[in-house]
Amino acid sequence: MSCLHLRPASTTLFERPHRTIVALSGVFRPVAQRALRTLPACIAAVWQAFCQLTSHLHRR
């Protein structure tokens, strides 16, 4: 194919959203990875607080 070959309009319509999605995923991927690393610690802390609270309420 030569450089003068015209691409179909559907390809052009696909390329812009694809580039946008790739750029946004590059921005949000580190945020999501950090959240996945800290999520188990947050869940453990909430679970510990919940267990302490229920234990305290049962003793009353």
C-alpha atoms as a PDB file:
ATOM      1  CA  MET A   1       0.000   0.000   0.000  1.00  0.00           C
ATOM      2  CA  SER A   2       1.191   3.458  -0.772  1.00  0.00           C
ATOM      3  CA  CYS A   3       1.310   6.382   1.623  1.00  0.00           C
ATOM      4  CA  LEU A   4      -1.520   7.943  -0.343  1.00  0.00           C
ATOM      5  CA  HIS A   5      -3.900   5.138   0.520  1.00  0.00           C
ATOM      6  CA  LEU A   6      -6.903   6.492   2.373  1.00  0.00           C
ATOM      7  CA  ARG A   7      -7.946   4.687   5.500  1.00  0.00           C
ATOM      8  CA  PRO A   8     -11.605   3.947   6.071  1.00  0.00           C
ATOM      9  CA  ALA A   9     -13.490   6.316   8.343  1.00  0.00           C
ATOM     10  CA  SER A  10     -14.115   3.534  10.872  1.00  0.00           C
ATOM     11  CA  THR A  11     -10.352   3.225  11.474  1.00  0.00           C
ATOM     12  CA  THR A  12     -10.080   6.948  12.125  1.00  0.00           C
ATOM     13  CA  LEU A  13     -13.026   6.836  14.491  1.00  0.00           C
ATOM     14  CA  PHE A  14     -11.396   3.977  16.375  1.00  0.00           C
ATOM     15  CA  GLU A  15      -7.916   5.497  16.676  1.00  0.00           C
ATOM     16  CA  ARG A  16      -8.767   8.598  18.722  1.00  0.00           C
ATOM     17  CA  PRO A  17     -10.682   6.775  21.502  1.00  0.00           C
ATOM     18  CA  HIS A  18      -8.004   4.083  21.509  1.00  0.00           C
ATOM     19  CA  ARG A  19      -5.225   6.648  22.033  1.00  0.00           C
ATOM     20  CA  THR A  20      -7.287   8.320  24.765  1.00  0.00           C
ATOM     21  CA  ILE A  21      -7.867   5.011  26.552  1.00  0.00           C
ATOM     22  CA  VAL A  22      -4.164   4.129  26.347  1.00  0.00           C
ATOM     23  CA  ALA A  23      -3.186   7.532  27.763  1.00  0.00           C
ATOM     24  CA  LEU A  24      -5.725   7.336  30.595  1.00  0.00           C
ATOM     25  CA  SER A  25      -4.746   3.801  31.508  1.00  0.00           C
ATOM     26  CA  GLY A  26      -1.133   4.945  31.756  1.00  0.00           C
ATOM     27  CA  VAL A  27      -2.222   7.598  34.249  1.00  0.00           C
ATOM     28  CA  PHE A  28      -4.547   5.448  36.351  1.00  0.00           C
ATOM     29  CA  ARG A  29      -2.590   2.176  36.357  1.00  0.00           C
ATOM     30  CA  PRO A  30      -0.103   3.298  39.080  1.00  0.00           C
ATOM     31  CA  VAL A  31      -3.002   4.534  41.215  1.00  0.00           C
ATOM     32  CA  ALA A  32      -4.811   1.213  40.895  1.00  0.00           C
ATOM     33  CA  GLN A  33      -1.655  -0.768  41.644  1.00  0.00           C
ATOM     34  CA  ARG A  34      -1.001   1.287  44.777  1.00  0.00           C
ATOM     35  CA  ALA A  35      -4.601   0.778  45.879  1.00  0.00           C
ATOM     36  CA  LEU A  36      -4.276  -2.977  45.384  1.00  0.00           C
ATOM     37  CA  ARG A  37      -1.146  -3.007  47.545  1.00  0.00           C
ATOM     38  CA  THR A  38      -2.756  -1.047  50.397  1.00  0.00           C
ATOM     39  CA  LEU A  39      -6.216  -2.634  50.247  1.00  0.00           C
ATOM     40  CA  PRO A  40      -5.390  -5.769  52.291  1.00  0.00           C
ATOM     41  CA  ALA A  41      -3.883  -3.633  55.075  1.00  0.00           C
ATOM     42  CA  CYS A  42      -6.955  -1.389  55.141  1.00  0.00           C
ATOM     43  CA  ILE A  43      -9.295  -4.374  55.254  1.00  0.00           C
ATOM     44  CA  ALA A  44      -7.280  -5.913  58.094  1.00  0.00           C
ATOM     45  CA  ALA A  45      -7.416  -2.665  60.077  1.00  0.00           C
ATOM     46  CA  VAL A  46     -11.173  -2.316  59.621  1.00  0.00           C
ATOM     47  CA  TRP A  47     -11.700  -5.973  60.539  1.00  0.00           C
ATOM     48  CA  GLN A  48      -9.597  -5.567  63.691  1.00  0.00           C
ATOM     49  CA  ALA A  49     -11.552  -2.474  64.727  1.00  0.00           C
ATOM     50  CA  PHE A  50     -14.827  -4.303  64.075  1.00  0.00           C
ATOM     51  CA  CYS A  51     -13.727  -7.287  66.175  1.00  0.00           C
ATOM     52  CA  GLN A  52     -12.634  -5.020  69.026  1.00  0.00           C
ATOM     53  CA  LEU A  53     -15.941  -3.170  68.937  1.00  0.00           C
ATOM     54  CA  THR A  54     -18.037  -6.341  68.909  1.00  0.00           C
ATOM     55  CA  SER A  55     -15.921  -7.785  71.713  1.00  0.00           C
ATOM     56  CA  HIS A  56     -16.459  -4.624  73.749  1.00  0.00           C
ATOM     57  CA  LEU A  57     -20.221  -4.720  73.127  1.00  0.00           C
ATOM     58  CA  HIS A  58     -20.456  -8.384  74.136  1.00  0.00           C
ATOM     59  CA  ARG A  59     -18.752  -7.686  77.461  1.00  0.00           C
ATOM     60  CA  ARG A  60     -21.393  -5.124  78.474  1.00  0.00           C
END
